[in-house]
Amino acid sequence: MYLQFNNPGEVITKVGISAVSAEGALKNLDAEVPDFDFKKDPEGSQSYLERRIE
């Protein structure tokens, strides 16, 4: 995937991964992080990501 923005500022994204299909990646994303919302709680989103990485 390639994205280009003239002036992106901050770009926020969620990524799902599957070795089988794009549909599988979406299902994995929804199953693993069902209520994740960057806009609802940006600081909570950061701490959530930090906990997942540890």
PDB file of N, CA and C in Angstrom:
ATOM      1  N   MET A   1       0.842  -1.166   0.000  1.00  0.00           N
ATOM      2  CA  MET A   1       0.000   0.000   0.000  1.00  0.00           C
ATOM      3  C   MET A   1       0.889   1.231   0.000  1.00  0.00           C
ATOM      4  N   TYR A   2       0.502   2.220  -0.752  1.00  0.00           N
ATOM      5  CA  TYR A   2       1.228   3.478  -0.817  1.00  0.00           C
ATOM      6  C   TYR A   2       0.227   4.614  -0.675  1.00  0.00           C
ATOM      7  N   LEU A   3       0.507   5.512   0.275  1.00  0.00           N
ATOM      8  CA  LEU A   3      -0.344   6.682   0.464  1.00  0.00           C
ATOM      9  C   LEU A   3       0.513   7.928   0.395  1.00  0.00           C
ATOM     10  N   GLN A   4      -0.023   8.976  -0.191  1.00  0.00           N
ATOM     11  CA  GLN A   4       0.703  10.236  -0.254  1.00  0.00           C
ATOM     12  C   GLN A   4      -0.254  11.366   0.079  1.00  0.00           C
ATOM     13  N   PHE A   5       0.197  12.269   0.958  1.00  0.00           N
ATOM     14  CA  PHE A   5      -0.613  13.402   1.376  1.00  0.00           C
ATOM     15  C   PHE A   5       0.141  14.688   1.090  1.00  0.00           C
ATOM     16  N   ASN A   6      -0.551  15.724   0.712  1.00  0.00           N
ATOM     17  CA  ASN A   6       0.090  17.020   0.472  1.00  0.00           C
ATOM     18  C   ASN A   6       0.615  17.622   1.769  1.00  0.00           C
ATOM     19  N   ASN A   7      -0.185  17.576   2.815  1.00  0.00           N
ATOM     20  CA  ASN A   7       0.210  18.112   4.114  1.00  0.00           C
ATOM     21  C   ASN A   7      -0.496  17.289   5.186  1.00  0.00           C
ATOM     22  N   PRO A   8       0.039  16.123   5.527  1.00  0.00           N
ATOM     23  CA  PRO A   8      -0.703  15.203   6.376  1.00  0.00           C
ATOM     24  C   PRO A   8      -0.839  15.621   7.828  1.00  0.00           C
ATOM     25  N   GLY A   9       0.091  16.411   8.353  1.00  0.00           N
ATOM     26  CA  GLY A   9       0.030  16.679   9.773  1.00  0.00           C
ATOM     27  C   GLY A   9       0.243  15.365  10.497  1.00  0.00           C
ATOM     28  N   GLU A  10      -0.746  14.921  11.218  1.00  0.00           N
ATOM     29  CA  GLU A  10      -0.665  13.665  11.948  1.00  0.00           C
ATOM     30  C   GLU A  10      -1.505  12.615  11.224  1.00  0.00           C
ATOM     31  N   VAL A  11      -0.925  11.457  10.996  1.00  0.00           N
ATOM     32  CA  VAL A  11      -1.640  10.359  10.362  1.00  0.00           C
ATOM     33  C   VAL A  11      -1.817   9.259  11.392  1.00  0.00           C
ATOM     34  N   ILE A  12      -3.047   8.844  11.582  1.00  0.00           N
ATOM     35  CA  ILE A  12      -3.370   7.806  12.560  1.00  0.00           C
ATOM     36  C   ILE A  12      -3.930   6.608  11.812  1.00  0.00           C
ATOM     37  N   THR A  13      -3.477   5.414  12.183  1.00  0.00           N
ATOM     38  CA  THR A  13      -3.929   4.217  11.477  1.00  0.00           C
ATOM     39  C   THR A  13      -4.022   3.018  12.412  1.00  0.00           C
ATOM     40  N   LYS A  14      -4.832   2.081  12.033  1.00  0.00           N
ATOM     41  CA  LYS A  14      -4.895   0.771  12.680  1.00  0.00           C
ATOM     42  C   LYS A  14      -4.533  -0.247  11.616  1.00  0.00           C
ATOM     43  N   VAL A  15      -3.832  -1.290  11.999  1.00  0.00           N
ATOM     44  CA  VAL A  15      -3.391  -2.290  11.030  1.00  0.00           C
ATOM     45  C   VAL A  15      -3.760  -3.678  11.546  1.00  0.00           C
ATOM     46  N   GLY A  16      -4.386  -4.457  10.683  1.00  0.00           N
ATOM     47  CA  GLY A  16      -4.665  -5.858  10.980  1.00  0.00           C
ATOM     48  C   GLY A  16      -3.798  -6.729  10.086  1.00  0.00           C
ATOM     49  N   ILE A  17      -3.355  -7.856  10.606  1.00  0.00           N
ATOM     50  CA  ILE A  17      -2.462  -8.731   9.841  1.00  0.00           C
ATOM     51  C   ILE A  17      -3.055 -10.138   9.761  1.00  0.00           C
ATOM     52  N   SER A  18      -2.965 -10.720   8.585  1.00  0.00           N
ATOM     53  CA  SER A  18      -3.368 -12.110   8.375  1.00  0.00           C
ATOM     54  C   SER A  18      -2.516 -12.677   7.250  1.00  0.00           C
ATOM     55  N   ALA A  19      -2.057 -13.897   7.421  1.00  0.00           N
ATOM     56  CA  ALA A  19      -1.289 -14.570   6.370  1.00  0.00           C
ATOM     57  C   ALA A  19      -2.210 -15.152   5.305  1.00  0.00           C
ATOM     58  N   VAL A  20      -3.523 -15.089   5.542  1.00  0.00           N
ATOM     59  CA  VAL A  20      -4.473 -15.731   4.648  1.00  0.00           C
ATOM     60  C   VAL A  20      -5.188 -14.746   3.722  1.00  0.00           C
ATOM     61  N   SER A  21      -5.769 -13.678   4.292  1.00  0.00           N
ATOM     62  CA  SER A  21      -6.562 -12.772   3.464  1.00  0.00           C
ATOM     63  C   SER A  21      -6.761 -11.421   4.139  1.00  0.00           C
ATOM     64  N   ALA A  22      -7.188 -10.438   3.353  1.00  0.00           N
ATOM     65  CA  ALA A  22      -7.523  -9.129   3.897  1.00  0.00           C
ATOM     66  C   ALA A  22      -8.721  -9.237   4.844  1.00  0.00           C
ATOM     67  N   GLU A  23      -9.661 -10.087   4.489  1.00  0.00           N
ATOM     68  CA  GLU A  23     -10.828 -10.287   5.357  1.00  0.00           C
ATOM     69  C   GLU A  23     -10.393 -10.860   6.699  1.00  0.00           C
ATOM     70  N   GLY A  24      -9.434 -11.783   6.665  1.00  0.00           N
ATOM     71  CA  GLY A  24      -8.900 -12.354   7.905  1.00  0.00           C
ATOM     72  C   GLY A  24      -8.201 -11.296   8.739  1.00  0.00           C
ATOM     73  N   ALA A  25      -7.481 -10.383   8.090  1.00  0.00           N
ATOM     74  CA  ALA A  25      -6.806  -9.302   8.807  1.00  0.00           C
ATOM     75  C   ALA A  25      -7.825  -8.414   9.511  1.00  0.00           C
ATOM     76  N   LEU A  26      -8.909  -8.095   8.840  1.00  0.00           N
ATOM     77  CA  LEU A  26      -9.953  -7.277   9.450  1.00  0.00           C
ATOM     78  C   LEU A  26     -10.592  -8.001  10.628  1.00  0.00           C
ATOM     79  N   LYS A  27     -10.859  -9.280  10.477  1.00  0.00           N
ATOM     80  CA  LYS A  27     -11.427 -10.061  11.578  1.00  0.00           C
ATOM     81  C   LYS A  27     -10.474 -10.094  12.760  1.00  0.00           C
ATOM     82  N   ASN A  28      -9.178 -10.270  12.495  1.00  0.00           N
ATOM     83  CA  ASN A  28      -8.190 -10.281  13.579  1.00  0.00           C
ATOM     84  C   ASN A  28      -8.156  -8.942  14.301  1.00  0.00           C
ATOM     85  N   LEU A  29      -8.176  -7.869  13.541  1.00  0.00           N
ATOM     86  CA  LEU A  29      -8.158  -6.531  14.132  1.00  0.00           C
ATOM     87  C   LEU A  29      -9.381  -6.318  15.010  1.00  0.00           C
ATOM     88  N   ASP A  30     -10.539  -6.674  14.509  1.00  0.00           N
ATOM     89  CA  ASP A  30     -11.778  -6.505  15.276  1.00  0.00           C
ATOM     90  C   ASP A  30     -11.800  -7.396  16.516  1.00  0.00           C
ATOM     91  N   ALA A  31     -11.245  -8.601  16.416  1.00  0.00           N
ATOM     92  CA  ALA A  31     -11.245  -9.530  17.551  1.00  0.00           C
ATOM     93  C   ALA A  31     -10.251  -9.099  18.628  1.00  0.00           C
ATOM     94  N   GLU A  32      -9.097  -8.610  18.216  1.00  0.00           N
ATOM     95  CA  GLU A  32      -8.047  -8.272  19.172  1.00  0.00           C
ATOM     96  C   GLU A  32      -8.235  -6.899  19.807  1.00  0.00           C
ATOM     97  N   VAL A  33      -8.831  -5.970  19.090  1.00  0.00           N
ATOM     98  CA  VAL A  33      -8.999  -4.610  19.584  1.00  0.00           C
ATOM     99  C   VAL A  33     -10.399  -4.115  19.220  1.00  0.00           C
ATOM    100  N   PRO A  34     -11.437  -4.709  19.782  1.00  0.00           N
ATOM    101  CA  PRO A  34     -12.802  -4.410  19.339  1.00  0.00           C
ATOM    102  C   PRO A  34     -13.269  -2.985  19.618  1.00  0.00           C
ATOM    103  N   ASP A  35     -12.809  -2.365  20.704  1.00  0.00           N
ATOM    104  CA  ASP A  35     -13.325  -1.046  21.062  1.00  0.00           C
ATOM    105  C   ASP A  35     -12.268   0.045  20.959  1.00  0.00           C
ATOM    106  N   PHE A  36     -11.214  -0.196  20.233  1.00  0.00           N
ATOM    107  CA  PHE A  36     -10.121   0.759  20.114  1.00  0.00           C
ATOM    108  C   PHE A  36     -10.558   1.948  19.268  1.00  0.00           C
ATOM    109  N   ASP A  37     -10.418   3.173  19.812  1.00  0.00           N
ATOM    110  CA  ASP A  37     -10.844   4.375  19.106  1.00  0.00           C
ATOM    111  C   ASP A  37      -9.857   5.503  19.400  1.00  0.00           C
ATOM    112  N   PHE A  38      -9.031   5.862  18.416  1.00  0.00           N
ATOM    113  CA  PHE A  38      -8.045   6.920  18.599  1.00  0.00           C
ATOM    114  C   PHE A  38      -8.686   8.236  19.007  1.00  0.00           C
ATOM    115  N   LYS A  39      -9.799   8.582  18.387  1.00  0.00           N
ATOM    116  CA  LYS A  39     -10.424   9.881  18.631  1.00  0.00           C
ATOM    117  C   LYS A  39     -11.057   9.967  20.016  1.00  0.00           C
ATOM    118  N   LYS A  40     -11.559   8.851  20.511  1.00  0.00           N
ATOM    119  CA  LYS A  40     -12.243   8.845  21.803  1.00  0.00           C
ATOM    120  C   LYS A  40     -11.268   9.153  22.941  1.00  0.00           C
ATOM    121  N   ASP A  41     -10.073   8.574  22.902  1.00  0.00           N
ATOM    122  CA  ASP A  41      -9.127   8.709  24.009  1.00  0.00           C
ATOM    123  C   ASP A  41      -7.695   8.582  23.493  1.00  0.00           C
ATOM    124  N   PRO A  42      -7.153   9.654  22.893  1.00  0.00           N
ATOM    125  CA  PRO A  42      -5.816   9.547  22.296  1.00  0.00           C
ATOM    126  C   PRO A  42      -4.731   9.152  23.289  1.00  0.00           C
ATOM    127  N   GLU A  43      -4.785   9.671  24.522  1.00  0.00           N
ATOM    128  CA  GLU A  43      -3.763   9.297  25.510  1.00  0.00           C
ATOM    129  C   GLU A  43      -3.949   7.853  25.937  1.00  0.00           C
ATOM    130  N   GLY A  44      -5.180   7.428  26.083  1.00  0.00           N
ATOM    131  CA  GLY A  44      -5.451   6.028  26.414  1.00  0.00           C
ATOM    132  C   GLY A  44      -5.011   5.104  25.290  1.00  0.00           C
ATOM    133  N   SER A  45      -5.158   5.582  24.056  1.00  0.00           N
ATOM    134  CA  SER A  45      -4.722   4.799  22.904  1.00  0.00           C
ATOM    135  C   SER A  45      -3.227   4.564  22.968  1.00  0.00           C
ATOM    136  N   GLN A  46      -2.475   5.590  23.316  1.00  0.00           N
ATOM    137  CA  GLN A  46      -1.023   5.459  23.414  1.00  0.00           C
ATOM    138  C   GLN A  46      -0.649   4.473  24.509  1.00  0.00           C
ATOM    139  N   SER A  47      -1.268   4.586  25.686  1.00  0.00           N
ATOM    140  CA  SER A  47      -0.932   3.659  26.767  1.00  0.00           C
ATOM    141  C   SER A  47      -1.374   2.243  26.421  1.00  0.00           C
ATOM    142  N   TYR A  48      -2.476   2.093  25.693  1.00  0.00           N
ATOM    143  CA  TYR A  48      -2.922   0.776  25.266  1.00  0.00           C
ATOM    144  C   TYR A  48      -1.865   0.137  24.356  1.00  0.00           C
ATOM    145  N   LEU A  49      -1.370   0.909  23.403  1.00  0.00           N
ATOM    146  CA  LEU A  49      -0.355   0.398  22.489  1.00  0.00           C
ATOM    147  C   LEU A  49       0.921   0.043  23.247  1.00  0.00           C
ATOM    148  N   GLU A  50       1.308   0.866  24.194  1.00  0.00           N
ATOM    149  CA  GLU A  50       2.511   0.572  24.965  1.00  0.00           C
ATOM    150  C   GLU A  50       2.350  -0.720  25.752  1.00  0.00           C
ATOM    151  N   ARG A  51       1.177  -0.962  26.328  1.00  0.00           N
ATOM    152  CA  ARG A  51       0.949  -2.217  27.076  1.00  0.00           C
ATOM    153  C   ARG A  51       0.988  -3.417  26.141  1.00  0.00           C
ATOM    154  N   ARG A  52       0.445  -3.268  24.921  1.00  0.00           N
ATOM    155  CA  ARG A  52       0.427  -4.385  23.960  1.00  0.00           C
ATOM    156  C   ARG A  52       1.833  -4.750  23.492  1.00  0.00           C
ATOM    157  N   ILE A  53       2.725  -3.753  23.423  1.00  0.00           N
ATOM    158  CA  ILE A  53       4.082  -3.980  22.939  1.00  0.00           C
ATOM    159  C   ILE A  53       4.921  -4.671  23.997  1.00  0.00           C
ATOM    160  N   GLU A  54       4.698  -4.373  25.261  1.00  0.00           N
ATOM    161  CA  GLU A  54       5.516  -4.937  26.350  1.00  0.00           C
ATOM    162  C   GLU A  54       5.382  -6.404  26.497  1.00  0.00           C
TER     163      GLU A  54
END
